[in-house]
Amino acid sequence: MAIKEVDDGLDALRREIGVAEIMSLIERTARWVDPETFRLLPVWFPEHARRQPFYKGGWSEPQLNRSRSNGSVVHKVEGNVYANQALTLALGLRKANRPNWSCCHIWGVDDGTYQKSNAVVQDRRFYSCVANMVLLPTPLKAFTDTMPEVKAMLRRCAANLYGWKCDHEILTAVVNQPVIPVADAYPDSWPTQPDEKLPMGLVALTPAIRKSAEQRLAAIHKEVANPGAHYPLENVLAVLRYWKIDL
């Protein structure tokens, strides 16, 4: 018998696998940054945000891309490169040894259709903030992108783990909305209140991670002291002030 129409794909999925089962997969595979690492360096690349233009070394001149189809030249913009790099370093990893893992932003504009502009990750304060990210096996990223109940539970865990909620003005209603676990789906190992416990998969701050944070902070200091022609100095200083990062 031919199927003439289908219902919402999320509803079809929920009939086959419960939210608790999905959350169990996420709980057992997610990799979280240590709160101590977050406090050491909250934001790793204050000069970058999604959709911001790329520049060549030293912020000297625009990084351009030429279209293979029509030869047009456009300014290359940031996708998720530096968020990925921030999370990778904060977890003590290297890009080469994390195949099929994806950087998932926790706080952002909720839009499973991918049609809305995500003002949160376009904000330098939150784009490379390691309390705003979790590392997940790539197939599970679709759950965090499209299922609101999954996103809500990730936010609850992150808020309790790091003692921080994203205060971007576009998220006011979301941040103040109480999070009610779905059918007891909130993972047992995740904190339900601040400083209660550490989630499964947390990567402790190591000497190597501390060194990476110190090197990154030193690089920020160097760029601020000697900014290139296109370096977004005022924006970076605003980010550092927001996070109370001393120069």
Protein backbone atom coordinates (compact mmCIF):
# COMPACT_ATOMS: atom_id res chain seq x y z
CA MET A 1 0.00 0.00 0.00
CA ALA A 2 1.48 3.33 -1.07
CA ILE A 3 1.94 6.00 1.57
CA LYS A 4 0.24 9.15 0.34
CA GLU A 5 1.43 11.47 3.07
CA VAL A 6 3.69 11.47 6.11
CA ASP A 7 3.50 13.28 9.42
CA ASP A 8 6.21 15.29 11.13
CA GLY A 9 9.46 13.34 11.09
CA LEU A 10 10.10 14.06 14.77
CA ASP A 11 6.73 12.60 15.70
CA ALA A 12 7.52 9.51 13.65
CA LEU A 13 10.85 9.19 15.42
CA ARG A 14 9.32 9.62 18.87
CA ARG A 15 6.97 6.69 18.19
CA GLU A 16 9.98 4.45 17.55
CA ILE A 17 12.47 5.67 20.16
CA GLY A 18 11.71 7.46 23.39
CA VAL A 19 13.32 10.71 24.45
CA ALA A 20 14.83 8.88 27.43
CA GLU A 21 16.63 6.50 25.07
CA ILE A 22 17.95 9.40 23.01
CA MET A 23 19.14 11.18 26.13
CA SER A 24 20.85 8.00 27.33
CA LEU A 25 22.87 7.92 24.11
CA ILE A 26 23.82 11.57 24.56
CA GLU A 27 24.63 11.10 28.25
CA ARG A 28 27.00 8.17 27.53
CA THR A 29 28.80 9.73 24.57
CA ALA A 30 28.89 13.50 25.19
CA ARG A 31 32.22 15.12 26.10
CA TRP A 32 32.00 18.16 28.38
CA VAL A 33 34.62 20.79 29.17
CA ASP A 34 35.67 20.96 32.81
CA PRO A 35 34.17 23.97 34.67
CA GLU A 36 37.73 24.77 35.79
CA THR A 37 38.77 25.05 32.15
CA PHE A 38 35.81 27.36 31.51
CA ARG A 39 36.81 29.58 34.41
CA LEU A 40 40.42 29.60 33.21
CA LEU A 41 39.44 30.88 29.75
CA PRO A 42 35.70 31.29 29.04
CA VAL A 43 36.03 32.37 25.40
CA TRP A 44 38.96 31.19 23.25
CA PHE A 45 38.63 33.18 20.02
CA PRO A 46 37.00 36.55 20.83
CA GLU A 47 37.99 37.86 17.42
CA HIS A 48 35.77 35.36 15.59
CA ALA A 49 32.06 34.63 15.26
CA ARG A 50 29.89 32.85 12.75
CA ARG A 51 29.46 34.72 9.46
CA GLN A 52 32.25 37.15 10.29
CA PRO A 53 34.71 37.69 7.42
CA PHE A 54 38.05 35.90 7.30
CA TYR A 55 41.34 37.72 6.83
CA LYS A 56 44.80 36.56 5.94
CA GLY A 57 47.60 36.24 8.49
CA GLY A 58 47.98 39.24 10.74
CA TRP A 59 44.55 40.46 9.67
CA SER A 60 46.32 42.12 6.77
CA GLU A 61 43.85 41.68 3.91
CA PRO A 62 40.57 39.90 3.09
CA GLN A 63 40.56 36.14 2.48
CA LEU A 64 38.70 35.70 -0.80
CA ASN A 65 37.04 32.71 -2.45
CA ARG A 66 36.53 32.40 -6.18
CA SER A 67 33.46 30.54 -7.43
CA ARG A 68 34.30 27.62 -9.72
CA SER A 69 30.98 27.94 -11.50
CA ASN A 70 30.96 31.61 -12.49
CA GLY A 71 34.32 33.00 -11.40
CA SER A 72 32.82 35.52 -8.98
CA VAL A 73 34.91 36.50 -5.96
CA VAL A 74 33.41 36.70 -2.46
CA HIS A 75 34.81 37.37 0.99
CA LYS A 76 35.22 34.08 2.87
CA VAL A 77 33.29 33.98 6.14
CA GLU A 78 33.48 31.93 9.31
CA GLY A 79 31.28 28.87 9.62
CA ASN A 80 32.17 26.79 12.69
CA VAL A 81 35.95 26.53 12.34
CA TYR A 82 37.03 28.45 15.41
CA ALA A 83 34.26 27.12 17.65
CA ASN A 84 35.45 23.64 16.73
CA GLN A 85 39.02 24.61 17.46
CA ALA A 86 38.12 26.13 20.83
CA LEU A 87 36.25 23.01 21.95
CA THR A 88 38.96 20.71 20.63
CA LEU A 89 41.69 22.53 22.59
CA ALA A 90 39.57 22.83 25.76
CA LEU A 91 39.07 19.05 25.70
CA GLY A 92 42.77 18.37 25.20
CA LEU A 93 42.23 16.92 21.74
CA ARG A 94 43.51 17.52 18.25
CA LYS A 95 41.33 17.73 15.16
CA ALA A 96 42.98 14.64 13.67
CA ASN A 97 42.00 12.45 16.64
CA ARG A 98 38.32 13.33 16.83
CA PRO A 99 36.85 11.95 13.57
CA ASN A 100 33.05 11.87 13.35
CA TRP A 101 32.62 14.12 16.38
CA SER A 102 30.77 17.43 16.10
CA CYS A 103 30.86 20.66 18.06
CA CYS A 104 27.31 21.44 19.17
CA HIS A 105 26.36 24.87 20.45
CA ILE A 106 24.04 24.64 23.44
CA TRP A 107 22.60 28.16 23.51
CA GLY A 108 21.34 29.54 20.22
CA VAL A 109 18.27 30.41 18.18
CA ASP A 110 16.07 27.31 18.02
CA ASP A 111 15.18 26.58 14.43
CA GLY A 112 14.96 23.02 13.19
CA THR A 113 14.32 24.28 9.67
CA TYR A 114 17.68 26.12 9.58
CA GLN A 115 15.97 29.18 8.11
CA LYS A 116 16.49 31.71 10.92
CA SER A 117 19.66 33.67 11.46
CA ASN A 118 21.42 32.51 14.64
CA ALA A 119 22.26 35.77 16.37
CA VAL A 120 23.77 34.00 19.40
CA VAL A 121 26.62 32.28 17.59
CA GLN A 122 27.11 35.41 15.48
CA ASP A 123 27.98 37.15 18.75
CA ARG A 124 31.68 36.99 19.61
CA ARG A 125 30.86 36.67 23.32
CA PHE A 126 29.21 33.30 22.85
CA TYR A 127 30.56 31.76 19.65
CA SER A 128 33.78 30.27 21.07
CA CYS A 129 32.59 30.10 24.68
CA VAL A 130 33.35 26.60 25.94
CA ALA A 131 30.36 26.62 28.31
CA ASN A 132 28.20 26.99 25.22
CA MET A 133 29.45 23.83 23.53
CA VAL A 134 29.46 20.07 23.91
CA LEU A 135 31.16 17.46 21.75
CA LEU A 136 28.89 14.73 20.39
CA PRO A 137 29.18 11.90 17.89
CA THR A 138 28.15 13.50 14.61
CA PRO A 139 24.92 11.49 14.09
CA LEU A 140 23.60 12.67 17.47
CA LYS A 141 24.01 16.33 16.52
CA ALA A 142 20.72 16.15 14.61
CA PHE A 143 18.89 15.54 17.89
CA THR A 144 20.38 18.65 19.49
CA ASP A 145 19.62 20.74 16.42
CA THR A 146 15.98 19.74 15.93
CA MET A 147 14.47 18.35 19.15
CA PRO A 148 13.53 21.14 21.60
CA GLU A 149 13.28 18.80 24.60
CA VAL A 150 16.83 17.56 23.99
CA LYS A 151 18.13 21.12 23.63
CA ALA A 152 16.35 22.13 26.86
CA MET A 153 17.97 19.32 28.85
CA LEU A 154 21.44 20.13 27.48
CA ARG A 155 20.91 23.72 28.59
CA ARG A 156 19.82 22.64 32.03
CA CYS A 157 22.92 20.51 32.45
CA ALA A 158 25.24 23.23 31.15
CA ALA A 159 23.70 25.93 33.34
CA ASN A 160 24.16 23.81 36.46
CA LEU A 161 27.63 22.63 35.45
CA TYR A 162 29.12 26.02 34.58
CA GLY A 163 26.96 28.34 36.69
CA TRP A 164 26.22 30.37 33.57
CA LYS A 165 23.30 30.92 31.21
CA CYS A 166 23.62 32.78 27.93
CA ASP A 167 22.19 36.26 28.42
CA HIS A 168 21.87 37.29 24.79
CA GLU A 169 18.76 39.43 24.54
CA ILE A 170 17.20 37.17 21.92
CA LEU A 171 17.13 34.32 24.47
CA THR A 172 15.40 36.13 27.35
CA ALA A 173 12.23 34.06 27.13
CA VAL A 174 14.16 30.80 26.73
CA VAL A 175 16.53 31.41 29.63
CA ASN A 176 13.73 32.32 32.03
CA GLN A 177 11.53 29.40 31.03
CA PRO A 178 11.58 26.52 33.56
CA VAL A 179 12.94 23.25 32.17
CA ILE A 180 10.75 20.28 32.98
CA PRO A 181 12.30 16.86 32.27
CA VAL A 182 10.41 14.92 29.61
CA ALA A 183 9.05 11.65 30.97
CA ASP A 184 11.96 11.34 33.41
CA ALA A 185 14.37 11.57 30.49
CA TYR A 186 16.86 13.91 32.18
CA PRO A 187 20.06 11.84 32.61
CA ASP A 188 20.85 10.62 36.12
CA SER A 189 24.50 11.67 35.92
CA TRP A 190 23.69 15.27 34.97
CA PRO A 191 23.41 17.95 37.67
CA THR A 192 19.93 19.20 38.56
CA GLN A 193 21.26 22.15 40.55
CA PRO A 194 24.55 24.10 40.62
CA ASP A 195 27.64 22.28 41.94
CA GLU A 196 25.68 19.08 42.51
CA LYS A 197 27.71 16.62 40.42
CA LEU A 198 29.70 16.26 37.23
CA PRO A 199 28.17 14.68 34.13
CA MET A 200 29.45 11.51 32.58
CA GLY A 201 32.03 12.29 29.90
CA LEU A 202 33.52 15.37 31.55
CA VAL A 203 37.17 15.94 30.53
CA ALA A 204 39.17 17.16 33.52
CA LEU A 205 41.54 20.10 33.22
CA THR A 206 45.03 18.75 32.56
CA PRO A 207 48.42 20.48 32.39
CA ALA A 208 48.24 20.20 28.58
CA ILE A 209 44.81 21.88 28.46
CA ARG A 210 46.02 24.59 30.85
CA LYS A 211 49.01 25.22 28.58
CA SER A 212 46.72 25.51 25.53
CA ALA A 213 44.56 28.06 27.37
CA GLU A 214 47.59 30.07 28.45
CA GLN A 215 48.98 30.06 24.89
CA ARG A 216 45.64 31.16 23.49
CA LEU A 217 45.36 33.99 26.02
CA ALA A 218 48.90 35.10 25.22
CA ALA A 219 47.99 35.16 21.52
CA ILE A 220 44.95 37.33 22.27
CA HIS A 221 47.13 39.74 24.27
CA LYS A 222 49.61 39.95 21.42
CA GLU A 223 46.93 40.71 18.82
CA VAL A 224 45.29 43.32 21.04
CA ALA A 225 48.63 45.02 21.62
CA ASN A 226 49.52 44.99 17.92
CA PRO A 227 46.29 44.65 15.93
CA GLY A 228 46.40 44.14 12.20
CA ALA A 229 44.66 46.48 9.79
CA HIS A 230 41.38 44.55 9.93
CA TYR A 231 41.55 43.18 13.47
CA PRO A 232 38.22 43.87 15.25
CA LEU A 233 39.89 45.48 18.25
CA GLU A 234 36.90 47.24 19.83
CA ASN A 235 34.75 44.13 19.48
CA VAL A 236 37.41 41.96 21.06
CA LEU A 237 37.88 44.38 23.96
CA ALA A 238 34.11 44.31 24.55
CA VAL A 239 34.17 40.50 24.69
CA LEU A 240 37.07 40.51 27.15
CA ARG A 241 35.24 43.03 29.35
CA TYR A 242 32.08 40.92 29.28
CA TRP A 243 34.00 37.84 30.49
CA LYS A 244 36.19 39.89 32.89
CA ILE A 245 39.35 38.67 31.19
CA ASP A 246 42.23 40.93 32.23
CA LEU A 247 44.68 42.22 29.66
